[in-house]
Amino acid sequence: MIEAALVAWFPITAVLFVLMRPHKAAACSLIFGVALLPANRAIPLPILPDLTQYSVPVVASMIMIAVKYPQRLIAAKPGTNGDFLILLMIFGALITNLTNGDVLVYGPKIKPAMTASDTVNDGLQLAFRWLLPFLIGRTVVRTAKEAVDVLVILALCGLAYVPFILVEFQTGPIWHVLVYGSQPSPSTFWHSLRYGGFRPSVLMNHGLTLSVFMFHTVIAWVYLARARIRPLPVSSAPIAFVMLGVCAWFKTRSILIYALASLPMILVLRPRMQLRIAGTIAIVLLSYPFLRSIDMIPVQTVAEIAEEYAGADAAQSFMQRIDTEDEIISHVAQRWWFGWGGYARYFLYDPLTGVPLSVMDGFWVMEFGQGGVVRYALTFSFLIFPILFAWLHARRIESTFALRVICAMVWICVIRTWNLLPNSAVDPWHVFIGGAACSVAAYESRRRTVAKKEKAEPKPPPAPKDAEPRESPPAADPEQRPDSIAAGLLTR
């Protein structure tokens, strides 16, 4: 059943691209693929990365784009925009592997040496995780109205998940067992226990992953409510309120922090001010390891606040993460620039038993340990690239509608990147949204330039009265005509 579901997503994606316009098809494949395909399961392949719920939608969508829309793919100019950061990551991975040719021995545990051939695997992993979904977003999403369609698909996916979430609030994680025959991991049930109840995971790999996903759908619904867009016959405002209530029911402290930090700004501030704040947050996120290394982050104060408002367990969990970060920072100081390489070589191990002494949660510390300062800087520069790109282009965008939809995508990128400091979940549709934000910001900023040029050009003299009437212009190409998914999901 698991292998069949993963393989079946290829023809399903093909059907989506036949029935829908490319931006809708890609969004449906990437978002619903993560929501429906089996979690923590894979079909191993030689040389190439395994087929998983993350890689299958990406590969299937890229194949269909290359087959049906090669002109769009060429027009996106692969290797430009934020793509060049991925190419630098691959080059950095080569240096990391070349500088870690030693075998590490911890009692009975042996960590193999890195070789230049490991760069091939690293490069493919980086391409599948970052380059392809980002390029898909830049290729298929061009206008603000197309970006709205993507947000609507995200919002509807979250809404469709609500009935299954409500069931698991009462029963615990059951849907993955019912559909695929087993839990995503042996610890799924115990991780779902939360404050005397359950934290749902449905078909995703962890309850925290689902809670963050649902908050992203809240951002989409809040934007749709503010823009007065109705994907359904009812107003989007009450749906946004219900979705926020479902998120609060997850009892995930980080989600409450994200909501308090972002939703008031989305509701109150003007788009350009939102982008300035988002850009400032992005710069702080990029400098996080440096701020931690010089004790500029008041971790003790944060721990005391956590203990006062969330209890001793929350403070203990927070300090455990901080202690792990301090240990890894000290360990990576021995190979500061390019890290320790793969195979978990950057972990701390007991020198006699080989038992791991490190408990890894944050994505940033994993990247920092594996590839050092260079890998972290390039990865997080890529993650915040859409935020800064939209911020810099905002001054040339006159449409308030376009600025608001860009802000919605930018806040998804901000929350995604922020969440990667304490956690490690990153989905391909997150990267797709970032690519879409760059594409829309570039397109909408060019519209102002084109309008100015047209205004500056002298108008042609009026035609004489006895002149033959000019032929009417040809009808617009349906492929170029924007539409809204609210008018019909399968409308081309």
Protein backbone atom coordinates (compact mmCIF):
# COMPACT_ATOMS: atom_id res chain seq x y z
CA MET A 1 0.00 0.00 0.00
CA ILE A 2 2.80 2.42 0.89
CA GLU A 3 4.81 1.77 -2.27
CA ALA A 4 1.64 1.89 -4.36
CA ALA A 5 0.65 5.29 -2.92
CA LEU A 6 4.08 6.78 -3.61
CA VAL A 7 4.23 5.47 -7.18
CA ALA A 8 0.60 6.40 -7.87
CA TRP A 9 1.34 10.06 -7.15
CA PHE A 10 3.17 10.31 -10.47
CA PRO A 11 0.06 9.62 -12.62
CA ILE A 12 -2.07 11.65 -10.20
CA THR A 13 0.22 14.64 -10.74
CA ALA A 14 0.06 14.09 -14.50
CA VAL A 15 -3.74 14.20 -14.36
CA LEU A 16 -3.61 17.40 -12.31
CA PHE A 17 -1.46 19.06 -14.97
CA VAL A 18 -3.88 17.92 -17.69
CA LEU A 19 -6.97 19.25 -15.90
CA MET A 20 -5.57 22.40 -14.28
CA ARG A 21 -3.39 25.33 -15.10
CA PRO A 22 0.23 24.69 -14.11
CA HIS A 23 0.34 26.82 -10.96
CA LYS A 24 -2.75 25.09 -9.55
CA ALA A 25 -1.53 21.63 -10.52
CA ALA A 26 1.89 22.13 -8.95
CA ALA A 27 0.40 23.59 -5.77
CA CYS A 28 -2.07 20.68 -5.45
CA SER A 29 0.64 18.08 -6.05
CA LEU A 30 3.11 19.57 -3.55
CA ILE A 31 0.66 20.52 -0.79
CA PHE A 32 -1.71 17.56 -0.95
CA GLY A 33 1.24 15.22 -1.57
CA VAL A 34 2.70 16.04 1.83
CA ALA A 35 -0.75 15.86 3.41
CA LEU A 36 -1.79 12.50 1.92
CA LEU A 37 1.27 10.37 1.16
CA PRO A 38 2.73 8.02 3.83
CA ALA A 39 5.08 9.68 6.32
CA ASN A 40 8.58 8.41 7.08
CA ARG A 41 8.36 5.80 4.33
CA ALA A 42 10.58 5.56 1.27
CA ILE A 43 11.31 3.57 -1.87
CA PRO A 44 15.12 3.38 -2.12
CA LEU A 45 16.72 4.19 -5.46
CA PRO A 46 20.30 3.72 -6.66
CA ILE A 47 22.30 6.99 -6.68
CA LEU A 48 19.14 9.16 -6.64
CA PRO A 49 17.45 10.23 -3.38
CA ASP A 50 14.71 7.92 -2.09
CA LEU A 51 11.12 8.35 -3.20
CA THR A 52 9.25 9.88 -0.25
CA GLN A 53 6.23 12.06 0.45
CA TYR A 54 8.57 15.02 -0.07
CA SER A 55 10.49 14.00 -3.20
CA VAL A 56 7.72 12.33 -5.25
CA PRO A 57 5.51 15.46 -5.70
CA VAL A 58 8.58 17.53 -6.57
CA VAL A 59 9.91 15.13 -9.20
CA ALA A 60 6.46 14.48 -10.68
CA SER A 61 5.70 18.21 -10.98
CA MET A 62 9.08 19.01 -12.51
CA ILE A 63 8.66 16.25 -15.10
CA MET A 64 5.25 17.58 -16.13
CA ILE A 65 6.52 21.17 -16.32
CA ALA A 66 9.48 20.10 -18.47
CA VAL A 67 7.16 18.14 -20.79
CA LYS A 68 4.22 20.55 -21.05
CA TYR A 69 5.73 23.96 -20.36
CA PRO A 70 9.40 23.95 -21.43
CA GLN A 71 9.18 27.59 -22.55
CA ARG A 72 8.20 28.65 -19.04
CA LEU A 73 11.06 26.66 -17.58
CA ILE A 74 13.54 28.33 -19.94
CA ALA A 75 12.04 31.76 -19.22
CA ALA A 76 12.61 31.20 -15.47
CA LYS A 77 16.37 31.05 -16.22
CA PRO A 78 17.43 28.17 -13.94
CA GLY A 79 20.57 29.01 -12.02
CA THR A 80 19.61 32.65 -11.49
CA ASN A 81 17.64 34.33 -8.71
CA GLY A 82 18.04 32.32 -5.49
CA ASP A 83 19.10 29.20 -7.40
CA PHE A 84 22.75 30.27 -7.32
CA LEU A 85 22.82 29.79 -3.54
CA ILE A 86 22.06 26.09 -4.02
CA LEU A 87 24.94 25.82 -6.48
CA LEU A 88 27.21 27.38 -3.87
CA MET A 89 25.91 24.88 -1.30
CA ILE A 90 26.92 22.01 -3.58
CA PHE A 91 30.40 23.50 -3.99
CA GLY A 92 30.62 23.94 -0.22
CA ALA A 93 29.60 20.30 0.26
CA LEU A 94 32.53 19.28 -1.95
CA ILE A 95 34.98 21.18 0.25
CA THR A 96 33.37 19.73 3.39
CA ASN A 97 33.83 16.22 2.07
CA LEU A 98 37.42 16.86 1.02
CA THR A 99 38.34 18.23 4.46
CA ASN A 100 36.80 15.31 6.37
CA GLY A 101 38.78 12.39 5.05
CA ASP A 102 39.50 11.01 8.53
CA VAL A 103 37.71 8.07 10.13
CA LEU A 104 36.17 8.83 13.54
CA VAL A 105 36.23 6.04 16.13
CA TYR A 106 34.18 6.12 19.35
CA GLY A 107 34.65 2.74 21.00
CA PRO A 108 32.68 0.22 18.89
CA LYS A 109 31.12 2.96 16.74
CA ILE A 110 32.99 3.98 13.58
CA LYS A 111 32.08 7.00 11.50
CA PRO A 112 33.41 6.63 7.93
CA ALA A 113 35.53 9.18 6.17
CA MET A 114 33.91 11.51 3.66
CA THR A 115 34.91 11.20 0.02
CA ALA A 116 34.50 13.34 -3.06
CA SER A 117 31.86 10.89 -4.32
CA ASP A 118 29.67 11.84 -1.35
CA THR A 119 29.30 15.22 -3.03
CA VAL A 120 27.16 13.60 -5.73
CA ASN A 121 24.70 12.38 -3.10
CA ASP A 122 24.81 15.72 -1.29
CA GLY A 123 24.22 17.60 -4.53
CA LEU A 124 21.21 15.49 -5.45
CA GLN A 125 19.76 15.86 -1.96
CA LEU A 126 20.17 19.64 -2.12
CA ALA A 127 18.59 19.76 -5.58
CA PHE A 128 15.57 17.70 -4.52
CA ARG A 129 15.07 19.56 -1.24
CA TRP A 130 15.72 23.15 -2.32
CA LEU A 131 16.43 23.77 -6.00
CA LEU A 132 13.58 21.94 -7.73
CA PRO A 133 10.63 23.16 -5.59
CA PHE A 134 12.00 26.71 -5.63
CA LEU A 135 12.38 26.59 -9.40
CA ILE A 136 8.87 25.17 -9.77
CA GLY A 137 7.47 28.12 -7.83
CA ARG A 138 9.41 30.62 -9.96
CA THR A 139 8.29 28.90 -13.14
CA VAL A 140 4.54 28.38 -12.73
CA VAL A 141 3.43 31.24 -10.45
CA ARG A 142 3.77 34.63 -12.13
CA THR A 143 0.96 37.02 -11.22
CA ALA A 144 -0.63 38.02 -7.93
CA LYS A 145 -3.91 36.35 -8.95
CA GLU A 146 -2.09 33.08 -9.57
CA ALA A 147 -0.49 33.42 -6.13
CA VAL A 148 -3.97 33.83 -4.64
CA ASP A 149 -4.91 30.50 -6.23
CA VAL A 150 -1.96 28.88 -4.46
CA LEU A 151 -3.04 30.35 -1.11
CA VAL A 152 -6.59 29.14 -1.69
CA ILE A 153 -5.35 25.60 -2.34
CA LEU A 154 -3.32 25.73 0.87
CA ALA A 155 -6.32 27.07 2.79
CA LEU A 156 -8.68 24.40 1.43
CA CYS A 157 -6.21 21.63 2.22
CA GLY A 158 -6.08 22.78 5.84
CA LEU A 159 -9.87 22.97 6.01
CA ALA A 160 -10.20 19.46 4.58
CA TYR A 161 -7.88 18.20 7.33
CA VAL A 162 -10.05 19.59 10.15
CA PRO A 163 -12.52 16.65 10.50
CA PHE A 164 -9.65 14.15 10.72
CA ILE A 165 -7.89 16.36 13.26
CA LEU A 166 -11.00 16.57 15.44
CA VAL A 167 -11.22 12.78 15.52
CA GLU A 168 -7.58 12.40 16.58
CA PHE A 169 -8.03 14.98 19.34
CA GLN A 170 -10.19 12.30 20.98
CA THR A 171 -8.65 9.03 19.80
CA GLY A 172 -4.97 9.78 19.29
CA PRO A 173 -3.05 9.07 16.05
CA ILE A 174 -5.12 6.50 14.14
CA TRP A 175 -5.43 7.69 10.52
CA HIS A 176 -1.95 6.66 9.40
CA VAL A 177 -2.58 3.18 10.81
CA LEU A 178 -5.98 2.90 9.13
CA VAL A 179 -4.71 4.06 5.74
CA TYR A 180 -1.16 2.70 5.60
CA GLY A 181 -1.14 -0.01 8.26
CA SER A 182 1.39 1.45 10.71
CA GLN A 183 2.42 4.59 12.57
CA PRO A 184 5.03 6.93 11.02
CA SER A 185 7.45 5.93 13.82
CA PRO A 186 7.43 3.73 16.94
CA SER A 187 7.26 6.83 19.16
CA THR A 188 4.32 8.47 17.36
CA PHE A 189 1.77 7.59 20.04
CA TRP A 190 3.92 8.79 22.93
CA HIS A 191 4.79 12.00 21.14
CA SER A 192 1.09 12.64 20.59
CA LEU A 193 0.37 12.79 24.35
CA ARG A 194 -0.04 16.44 25.29
CA TYR A 195 -1.39 17.94 28.53
CA GLY A 196 -3.67 15.02 29.28
CA GLY A 197 -4.92 14.77 25.70
CA PHE A 198 -3.65 14.07 22.21
CA ARG A 199 -1.89 16.16 19.59
CA PRO A 200 -3.02 14.91 16.14
CA SER A 201 -0.69 14.04 13.30
CA VAL A 202 -3.20 12.52 10.80
CA LEU A 203 -0.99 11.45 7.84
CA MET A 204 2.00 13.65 8.64
CA ASN A 205 5.20 12.53 10.33
CA HIS A 206 4.67 14.33 13.65
CA GLY A 207 2.08 16.34 15.53
CA LEU A 208 4.37 19.37 15.52
CA THR A 209 4.66 19.20 11.73
CA LEU A 210 0.87 19.19 11.43
CA SER A 211 0.41 22.04 13.91
CA VAL A 212 2.84 24.25 11.96
CA PHE A 213 1.14 23.30 8.69
CA MET A 214 -2.25 24.25 10.11
CA PHE A 215 -0.90 27.62 11.24
CA HIS A 216 0.29 28.29 7.70
CA THR A 217 -3.25 27.61 6.52
CA VAL A 218 -4.48 30.10 9.14
CA ILE A 219 -2.23 32.75 7.55
CA ALA A 220 -3.78 31.92 4.18
CA TRP A 221 -7.34 32.18 5.55
CA VAL A 222 -6.58 35.46 7.35
CA TYR A 223 -5.24 36.93 4.12
CA LEU A 224 -8.27 35.73 2.17
CA ALA A 225 -10.57 37.22 4.79
CA ARG A 226 -8.81 40.58 4.69
CA ALA A 227 -8.85 40.62 0.88
CA ARG A 228 -12.55 39.58 0.92
CA ILE A 229 -11.88 36.55 -1.23
CA ARG A 230 -14.37 33.69 -0.83
CA PRO A 231 -13.17 30.26 -1.96
CA LEU A 232 -16.43 28.91 -0.49
CA PRO A 233 -19.97 30.32 -0.48
CA VAL A 234 -19.42 31.67 3.06
CA SER A 235 -17.19 34.50 4.26
CA SER A 236 -13.54 33.62 4.88
CA ALA A 237 -13.41 35.50 8.20
CA PRO A 238 -15.33 32.97 10.35
CA ILE A 239 -13.40 30.12 8.72
CA ALA A 240 -10.12 31.84 9.65
CA PHE A 241 -11.36 32.16 13.24
CA VAL A 242 -12.29 28.47 13.39
CA MET A 243 -8.93 27.44 11.92
CA LEU A 244 -7.14 29.54 14.53
CA GLY A 245 -9.16 27.78 17.25
CA VAL A 246 -8.11 24.40 15.88
CA CYS A 247 -4.46 25.53 15.97
CA ALA A 248 -4.82 26.66 19.58
CA TRP A 249 -6.29 23.25 20.45
CA PHE A 250 -3.00 21.61 19.41
CA LYS A 251 -1.51 23.03 22.63
CA THR A 252 1.78 23.74 20.87
CA ARG A 253 3.52 26.64 22.57
CA SER A 254 5.51 27.68 19.52
CA ILE A 255 2.33 28.06 17.46
CA LEU A 256 0.84 30.40 20.05
CA ILE A 257 4.02 32.48 19.94
CA TYR A 258 3.93 32.62 16.12
CA ALA A 259 0.27 33.64 16.18
CA LEU A 260 0.81 36.42 18.73
CA ALA A 261 3.83 37.70 16.82
CA SER A 262 2.49 37.65 13.26
CA LEU A 263 -1.31 37.80 13.06
CA PRO A 264 -1.73 41.30 14.58
CA MET A 265 0.75 42.68 12.04
CA ILE A 266 -1.00 40.91 9.16
CA LEU A 267 -4.34 42.37 10.26
CA VAL A 268 -3.26 45.91 11.15
CA LEU A 269 -0.10 47.01 9.38
CA ARG A 270 0.27 48.13 5.79
CA PRO A 271 1.99 45.69 3.42
CA ARG A 272 5.23 47.65 3.02
CA MET A 273 5.62 47.94 6.79
CA GLN A 274 4.99 44.22 7.12
CA LEU A 275 7.73 43.52 4.61
CA ARG A 276 10.17 45.77 6.49
CA ILE A 277 9.48 43.91 9.72
CA ALA A 278 9.71 40.53 7.99
CA GLY A 279 13.04 41.54 6.43
CA THR A 280 14.40 42.62 9.81
CA ILE A 281 13.37 39.29 11.36
CA ALA A 282 15.06 37.47 8.47
CA ILE A 283 18.36 39.24 9.09
CA VAL A 284 18.19 38.36 12.80
CA LEU A 285 17.52 34.70 11.94
CA LEU A 286 20.55 34.65 9.65
CA SER A 287 22.78 35.98 12.42
CA TYR A 288 21.44 33.63 15.11
CA PRO A 289 24.58 31.42 15.51
CA PHE A 290 26.78 34.50 15.79
CA LEU A 291 24.47 36.06 18.38
CA ARG A 292 24.43 32.77 20.32
CA SER A 293 28.21 32.44 20.24
CA ILE A 294 28.70 35.90 21.80
CA ASP A 295 25.84 35.43 24.32
CA MET A 296 23.62 38.10 22.76
CA ILE A 297 20.53 35.89 23.06
CA PRO A 298 19.16 36.10 26.64
CA VAL A 299 18.58 32.36 27.00
CA GLN A 300 18.38 32.43 30.79
CA THR A 301 15.69 35.09 30.72
CA VAL A 302 13.74 33.13 28.13
CA ALA A 303 14.00 30.00 30.30
CA GLU A 304 12.66 31.88 33.33
CA ILE A 305 9.73 33.24 31.31
CA ALA A 306 9.03 29.75 29.97
CA GLU A 307 9.03 28.32 33.49
CA GLU A 308 6.70 31.03 34.77
CA TYR A 309 4.10 30.82 32.01
CA ALA A 310 4.50 27.28 30.61
CA GLY A 311 5.85 25.27 33.53
CA ALA A 312 9.09 23.62 34.57
CA ASP A 313 8.90 21.00 31.78
CA ALA A 314 8.90 23.72 29.11
CA ALA A 315 11.89 25.45 30.70
CA GLN A 316 13.77 22.16 31.02
CA SER A 317 13.08 21.27 27.37
CA PHE A 318 14.26 24.72 26.27
CA MET A 319 17.48 24.51 28.27
CA GLN A 320 18.17 21.02 26.94
CA ARG A 321 18.06 22.42 23.40
CA ILE A 322 20.33 25.30 24.42
CA ASP A 323 22.84 22.94 26.04
CA THR A 324 22.93 20.83 22.88
CA GLU A 325 23.49 23.94 20.76
CA ASP A 326 26.36 25.03 23.02
CA GLU A 327 27.97 21.61 22.75
CA ILE A 328 27.69 21.53 18.96
CA ILE A 329 28.99 25.11 18.64
CA SER A 330 32.05 24.16 20.71
CA HIS A 331 32.52 20.93 18.73
CA VAL A 332 32.21 22.67 15.34
CA ALA A 333 34.79 25.26 16.45
CA GLN A 334 37.40 22.62 15.59
CA ARG A 335 36.22 22.69 11.94
CA TRP A 336 34.53 26.05 11.92
CA TRP A 337 34.20 26.86 8.23
CA PHE A 338 33.07 23.60 6.61
CA GLY A 339 31.95 21.40 9.51
CA TRP A 340 32.26 17.68 10.11
CA GLY A 341 30.37 16.27 7.11
CA GLY A 342 27.58 13.72 6.94
CA TYR A 343 26.90 10.39 8.63
CA ALA A 344 26.17 12.28 11.89
CA ARG A 345 29.92 12.87 12.34
CA TYR A 346 29.19 16.14 14.13
CA PHE A 347 27.33 14.38 16.96
CA LEU A 348 28.99 14.02 20.35
CA TYR A 349 29.54 10.37 21.33
CA ASP A 350 30.68 8.56 24.43
CA PRO A 351 34.33 7.70 23.70
CA LEU A 352 34.01 4.22 25.24
CA THR A 353 30.52 3.01 24.34
CA GLY A 354 29.86 5.08 21.20
CA VAL A 355 26.43 6.07 22.52
CA PRO A 356 25.28 9.43 21.06
CA LEU A 357 25.29 12.20 23.65
CA SER A 358 23.55 14.75 21.43
CA VAL A 359 19.80 15.10 20.94
CA MET A 360 19.19 17.03 17.74
CA ASP A 361 16.01 19.05 17.19
CA GLY A 362 16.90 22.31 15.47
CA PHE A 363 17.52 22.29 11.74
CA TRP A 364 20.01 25.14 12.06
CA VAL A 365 22.33 23.23 14.36
CA MET A 366 22.22 20.20 12.03
CA GLU A 367 23.28 22.33 9.08
CA PHE A 368 25.88 24.10 11.20
CA GLY A 369 27.35 20.83 12.44
CA GLN A 370 27.42 19.19 9.04
CA GLY A 371 28.76 22.06 6.95
CA GLY A 372 30.01 24.70 9.38
CA VAL A 373 29.52 28.42 9.04
CA VAL A 374 29.52 28.26 5.23
CA ARG A 375 26.72 25.69 5.02
CA TYR A 376 24.59 27.48 7.60
CA ALA A 377 25.08 30.89 5.96
CA LEU A 378 24.19 29.60 2.49
CA THR A 379 21.19 27.55 3.65
CA PHE A 380 19.61 30.29 5.71
CA SER A 381 20.47 32.91 3.09
CA PHE A 382 18.45 30.79 0.69
CA LEU A 383 15.59 30.46 3.18
CA ILE A 384 15.36 34.21 3.76
CA PHE A 385 16.08 35.13 0.13
CA PRO A 386 12.36 35.41 -0.84
CA ILE A 387 11.75 37.64 2.19
CA LEU A 388 14.52 40.08 1.35
CA PHE A 389 13.77 39.88 -2.38
CA ALA A 390 10.14 40.88 -1.79
CA TRP A 391 11.17 43.62 0.63
CA LEU A 392 13.59 45.19 -1.87
CA HIS A 393 11.06 45.03 -4.73
CA ALA A 394 8.11 46.34 -2.70
CA ARG A 395 8.92 50.01 -3.36
CA ARG A 396 8.37 49.46 -7.10
CA ILE A 397 5.01 47.70 -6.66
CA GLU A 398 2.00 50.01 -6.79
CA SER A 399 -0.79 47.43 -6.48
CA THR A 400 -1.97 47.04 -2.88
CA PHE A 401 -3.59 43.75 -3.86
CA ALA A 402 -0.26 42.40 -5.09
CA LEU A 403 1.59 43.62 -1.99
CA ARG A 404 -0.89 41.90 0.30
CA VAL A 405 -0.63 38.54 -1.43
CA ILE A 406 3.17 38.82 -1.41
CA CYS A 407 3.01 39.58 2.32
CA ALA A 408 0.98 36.42 2.92
CA MET A 409 3.61 34.28 1.20
CA VAL A 410 6.45 36.15 2.92
CA TRP A 411 4.96 35.49 6.37
CA ILE A 412 4.77 31.80 5.54
CA CYS A 413 8.49 31.95 4.70
CA VAL A 414 9.25 33.86 7.93
CA ILE A 415 7.40 31.38 10.15
CA ARG A 416 8.96 28.46 8.28
CA THR A 417 12.48 29.83 8.81
CA TRP A 418 11.83 30.86 12.40
CA ASN A 419 10.53 27.37 13.16
CA LEU A 420 13.77 25.82 11.87
CA LEU A 421 15.70 27.19 14.84
CA PRO A 422 14.02 24.88 17.41
CA ASN A 423 12.68 22.25 14.99
CA SER A 424 13.66 20.53 11.74
CA ALA A 425 10.51 20.11 9.63
CA VAL A 426 10.75 21.69 6.17
CA ASP A 427 8.35 20.70 3.39
CA PRO A 428 8.82 21.19 -0.37
CA TRP A 429 5.71 23.33 -0.63
CA HIS A 430 7.38 25.81 1.76
CA VAL A 431 10.20 26.22 -0.75
CA PHE A 432 7.66 26.38 -3.58
CA ILE A 433 5.93 29.29 -1.83
CA GLY A 434 9.28 31.09 -1.55
CA GLY A 435 9.92 30.71 -5.26
CA ALA A 436 6.41 31.95 -6.01
CA ALA A 437 6.94 35.02 -3.82
CA CYS A 438 10.10 35.91 -5.76
CA SER A 439 8.36 35.44 -9.11
CA VAL A 440 5.32 37.54 -8.20
CA ALA A 441 7.45 40.32 -6.66
CA ALA A 442 9.60 40.48 -9.81
CA TYR A 443 6.57 40.43 -12.14
CA GLU A 444 4.58 43.06 -10.25
CA SER A 445 7.60 45.39 -9.95
CA ARG A 446 8.18 45.14 -13.72
CA ARG A 447 4.60 46.19 -14.39
CA ARG A 448 5.31 49.65 -12.97
CA THR A 449 8.40 50.02 -15.17
CA VAL A 450 6.46 48.99 -18.28
CA ALA A 451 3.63 51.37 -17.40
CA LYS A 452 6.07 54.28 -17.06
CA LYS A 453 7.63 53.51 -20.44
CA GLU A 454 4.24 53.35 -22.10
CA LYS A 455 3.26 56.64 -20.50
CA ALA A 456 6.46 58.32 -21.67
CA GLU A 457 6.02 57.22 -25.29
CA PRO A 458 4.17 59.73 -27.51
CA LYS A 459 0.66 58.73 -28.45
CA PRO A 460 0.07 57.97 -32.15
CA PRO A 461 -1.93 60.58 -34.07
CA PRO A 462 -5.66 59.87 -34.41
CA ALA A 463 -6.64 57.95 -37.53
CA PRO A 464 -8.53 59.90 -40.24
CA LYS A 465 -12.27 59.42 -40.33
CA ASP A 466 -12.23 57.77 -43.74
CA ALA A 467 -9.52 55.29 -42.74
CA GLU A 468 -10.35 51.63 -42.79
CA PRO A 469 -11.19 50.25 -39.36
CA ARG A 470 -8.40 48.28 -37.82
CA GLU A 471 -8.87 44.60 -37.16
CA SER A 472 -9.85 43.78 -33.63
CA PRO A 473 -7.00 42.35 -31.57
CA PRO A 474 -6.91 38.59 -31.19
CA ALA A 475 -8.54 37.06 -28.15
CA ALA A 476 -6.33 36.64 -25.14
CA ASP A 477 -4.54 33.36 -24.83
CA PRO A 478 -6.34 31.31 -22.16
CA GLU A 479 -2.95 30.35 -20.78
CA GLN A 480 -2.18 34.01 -20.10
CA ARG A 481 -5.59 34.90 -18.66
CA PRO A 482 -5.57 34.96 -14.84
CA ASP A 483 -8.44 33.35 -13.06
CA SER A 484 -9.33 32.54 -9.48
CA ILE A 485 -9.74 29.12 -8.05
CA ALA A 486 -12.82 30.48 -6.32
CA ALA A 487 -14.49 30.42 -9.73
CA GLY A 488 -13.76 26.72 -10.17
CA LEU A 489 -10.81 24.56 -9.27
CA LEU A 490 -10.57 22.93 -12.68
CA THR A 491 -11.00 26.13 -14.70
CA ARG A 492 -8.15 26.43 -17.15
